[in-house]
Amino acid sequence: MEYIYAALLLFKAGKDISEETVTAVLQAAGVEVSDARAKALVAALDGVDIEEAMATAAVAAAPAAAAAPAAAAAVEEEAPEEEDKSEESGMAGLGALFG
């Protein structure tokens, strides 16, 4: 992940994304750099429009982010029912003690 972050940082700063610049950013962050991974990253990004890729990723992430609160609300609605059942079953056991 840190290699991608380095490339995004360089892109945002308007700098060239090369093996040397990626390596320099990672070394400045205290990361032990693998030359092969830096080279693979630069090769993978060759010809990629990073701004377009980020916009596409943001559009794809938006529906998932919108669905997350709805899913959390559904889970919260189900949770009290389960607690009530366990409380009732616990009370039934106490009734047997006092017969």
Protein backbone atom coordinates (compact mmCIF):
# COMPACT_ATOMS: atom_id res chain seq x y z
CA MET A 1 0.00 0.00 0.00
CA GLU A 2 2.74 2.44 0.83
CA TYR A 3 3.99 2.27 -2.77
CA ILE A 4 0.59 3.37 -4.05
CA TYR A 5 0.43 6.10 -1.44
CA ALA A 6 3.84 7.35 -2.58
CA ALA A 7 2.64 7.45 -6.19
CA LEU A 8 -0.52 9.32 -5.19
CA LEU A 9 1.51 11.80 -3.17
CA LEU A 10 3.81 12.41 -6.13
CA PHE A 11 0.82 12.80 -8.44
CA LYS A 12 -0.88 15.28 -6.10
CA ALA A 13 2.36 17.27 -5.85
CA GLY A 14 2.63 17.37 -9.65
CA LYS A 15 5.89 15.43 -9.66
CA ASP A 16 7.02 12.74 -12.05
CA ILE A 17 6.24 9.21 -10.87
CA SER A 18 9.44 7.29 -11.45
CA GLU A 19 11.37 4.57 -9.64
CA GLU A 20 13.69 7.19 -8.20
CA THR A 21 10.95 9.50 -6.91
CA VAL A 22 8.88 6.65 -5.45
CA THR A 23 12.00 5.30 -3.75
CA ALA A 24 12.87 8.75 -2.39
CA VAL A 25 9.38 9.26 -0.91
CA LEU A 26 9.36 5.83 0.71
CA GLN A 27 12.86 6.24 2.13
CA ALA A 28 11.88 9.64 3.54
CA ALA A 29 8.99 7.89 5.29
CA GLY A 30 11.35 5.32 6.77
CA VAL A 31 10.14 2.41 4.64
CA GLU A 32 12.56 -0.28 3.48
CA VAL A 33 12.21 -0.07 -0.30
CA SER A 34 12.13 -3.01 -2.67
CA ASP A 35 13.49 -1.90 -6.03
CA ALA A 36 11.46 -4.59 -7.79
CA ARG A 37 8.19 -3.34 -6.26
CA ALA A 38 8.99 0.28 -7.12
CA LYS A 39 9.80 -0.75 -10.69
CA ALA A 40 6.60 -2.83 -10.93
CA LEU A 41 4.50 0.08 -9.66
CA VAL A 42 5.94 2.51 -12.17
CA ALA A 43 5.44 -0.01 -14.97
CA ALA A 44 1.84 -0.65 -13.90
CA LEU A 45 1.09 3.08 -13.86
CA ASP A 46 2.59 3.67 -17.31
CA GLY A 47 -0.19 5.06 -19.49
CA VAL A 48 -2.74 5.23 -16.64
CA ASP A 49 -4.67 8.48 -16.18
CA ILE A 50 -4.51 8.62 -12.38
CA GLU A 51 -7.05 11.44 -12.10
CA GLU A 52 -9.59 9.44 -14.13
CA ALA A 53 -8.87 6.28 -12.13
CA MET A 54 -9.45 8.16 -8.87
CA ALA A 55 -12.73 9.62 -10.15
CA THR A 56 -13.89 6.17 -11.25
CA ALA A 57 -12.96 4.69 -7.88
CA ALA A 58 -14.82 7.46 -6.05
CA VAL A 59 -17.96 6.86 -8.11
CA ALA A 60 -17.75 3.10 -7.47
CA ALA A 61 -17.24 3.63 -3.73
CA ALA A 62 -20.18 6.03 -3.34
CA PRO A 63 -22.97 3.38 -3.58
CA ALA A 64 -21.14 1.15 -1.12
CA ALA A 65 -20.71 4.02 1.31
CA ALA A 66 -24.39 4.92 1.00
CA ALA A 67 -25.43 1.31 1.66
CA ALA A 68 -23.30 0.97 4.79
CA PRO A 69 -25.49 3.12 7.11
CA ALA A 70 -28.61 1.27 5.96
CA ALA A 71 -26.98 -2.08 6.71
CA ALA A 72 -25.85 -0.85 10.12
CA ALA A 73 -29.37 0.34 10.91
CA ALA A 74 -30.79 -3.05 9.96
CA VAL A 75 -28.34 -4.78 12.29
CA GLU A 76 -29.22 -2.40 15.13
CA GLU A 77 -32.92 -3.12 14.66
CA GLU A 78 -32.35 -6.88 14.93
CA ALA A 79 -30.12 -6.72 17.99
CA PRO A 80 -32.79 -5.76 20.60
CA GLU A 81 -34.97 -8.73 19.62
CA GLU A 82 -32.13 -11.14 20.32
CA GLU A 83 -31.45 -9.53 23.69
CA ASP A 84 -35.11 -9.83 24.68
CA LYS A 85 -35.15 -13.57 23.91
CA SER A 86 -32.06 -14.25 25.97
CA GLU A 87 -33.46 -12.25 28.88
CA GLU A 88 -36.76 -14.18 28.75
CA SER A 89 -34.99 -17.52 28.67
CA GLY A 90 -32.92 -16.47 31.67
CA MET A 91 -36.05 -15.54 33.57
CA ALA A 92 -37.63 -18.91 32.79
CA GLY A 93 -34.70 -20.63 34.47
CA LEU A 94 -35.14 -18.51 37.60
CA GLY A 95 -38.81 -19.48 37.81
CA ALA A 96 -37.81 -23.13 38.10
CA LEU A 97 -35.66 -22.32 41.13
CA PHE A 98 -38.60 -20.96 43.11
CA GLY A 99 -41.09 -23.51 41.77
